[in-house]
């Protein structure tokens, strides 16, 4: 019983914040990559 509770708490306290941080970083990286690609293509 306690193992299930600890599994759920671990997922909520570690998994979700880690997922959100990873999502925000990937959005930032995609923006910077698109910006660099646009600048490189515009100079031609």
C-alpha atoms as a PDB file:
ATOM      1  CA  UNK A   1       0.000   0.000   0.000  1.00  0.00           C
ATOM      2  CA  UNK A   2       2.701   2.493   0.959  1.00  0.00           C
ATOM      3  CA  UNK A   3       4.728   1.612  -2.134  1.00  0.00           C
ATOM      4  CA  UNK A   4       1.859   2.716  -4.363  1.00  0.00           C
ATOM      5  CA  UNK A   5       1.520   5.990  -2.460  1.00  0.00           C
ATOM      6  CA  UNK A   6       5.259   6.627  -2.730  1.00  0.00           C
ATOM      7  CA  UNK A   7       5.161   5.827  -6.456  1.00  0.00           C
ATOM      8  CA  UNK A   8       2.412   8.364  -7.015  1.00  0.00           C
ATOM      9  CA  UNK A   9       4.126  11.024  -4.909  1.00  0.00           C
ATOM     10  CA  UNK A  10       7.433  10.407  -6.683  1.00  0.00           C
ATOM     11  CA  UNK A  11       5.765  10.848 -10.042  1.00  0.00           C
ATOM     12  CA  UNK A  12       3.968  14.019  -8.959  1.00  0.00           C
ATOM     13  CA  UNK A  13       6.887  15.649  -7.143  1.00  0.00           C
ATOM     14  CA  UNK A  14       9.706  14.623  -9.492  1.00  0.00           C
ATOM     15  CA  UNK A  15       8.226  13.566 -12.829  1.00  0.00           C
ATOM     16  CA  UNK A  16       5.872  16.434 -13.582  1.00  0.00           C
ATOM     17  CA  UNK A  17       8.260  19.315 -12.698  1.00  0.00           C
ATOM     18  CA  UNK A  18      11.055  17.593 -14.653  1.00  0.00           C
ATOM     19  CA  UNK A  19       8.718  17.195 -17.636  1.00  0.00           C
ATOM     20  CA  UNK A  20       7.711  20.863 -17.485  1.00  0.00           C
ATOM     21  CA  UNK A  21      11.344  22.018 -17.291  1.00  0.00           C
ATOM     22  CA  UNK A  22      12.214  19.794 -20.243  1.00  0.00           C
ATOM     23  CA  UNK A  23       9.235  21.140 -22.221  1.00  0.00           C
ATOM     24  CA  UNK A  24      10.171  24.790 -21.564  1.00  0.00           C
ATOM     25  CA  UNK A  25      13.786  24.116 -22.562  1.00  0.00           C
ATOM     26  CA  UNK A  26      12.712  22.383 -25.769  1.00  0.00           C
ATOM     27  CA  UNK A  27      10.466  25.338 -26.694  1.00  0.00           C
ATOM     28  CA  UNK A  28      13.371  27.742 -26.091  1.00  0.00           C
ATOM     29  CA  UNK A  29      15.743  25.564 -28.133  1.00  0.00           C
ATOM     30  CA  UNK A  30      13.241  25.293 -31.002  1.00  0.00           C
ATOM     31  CA  UNK A  31      12.801  29.083 -31.033  1.00  0.00           C
ATOM     32  CA  UNK A  32      16.556  29.702 -31.095  1.00  0.00           C
ATOM     33  CA  UNK A  33      17.060  27.087 -33.829  1.00  0.00           C
ATOM     34  CA  UNK A  34      14.288  28.572 -35.960  1.00  0.00           C
ATOM     35  CA  UNK A  35      15.692  32.059 -35.432  1.00  0.00           C
ATOM     36  CA  UNK A  36      19.201  30.958 -36.483  1.00  0.00           C
ATOM     37  CA  UNK A  37      17.826  29.095 -39.521  1.00  0.00           C
ATOM     38  CA  UNK A  38      15.809  32.137 -40.576  1.00  0.00           C
ATOM     39  CA  UNK A  39      18.825  34.450 -40.273  1.00  0.00           C
ATOM     40  CA  UNK A  40      21.045  32.032 -42.223  1.00  0.00           C
ATOM     41  CA  UNK A  41      18.468  31.687 -45.014  1.00  0.00           C
ATOM     42  CA  UNK A  42      17.787  35.423 -45.207  1.00  0.00           C
ATOM     43  CA  UNK A  43      21.424  36.358 -45.928  1.00  0.00           C
ATOM     44  CA  UNK A  44      21.521  34.402 -49.213  1.00  0.00           C
END
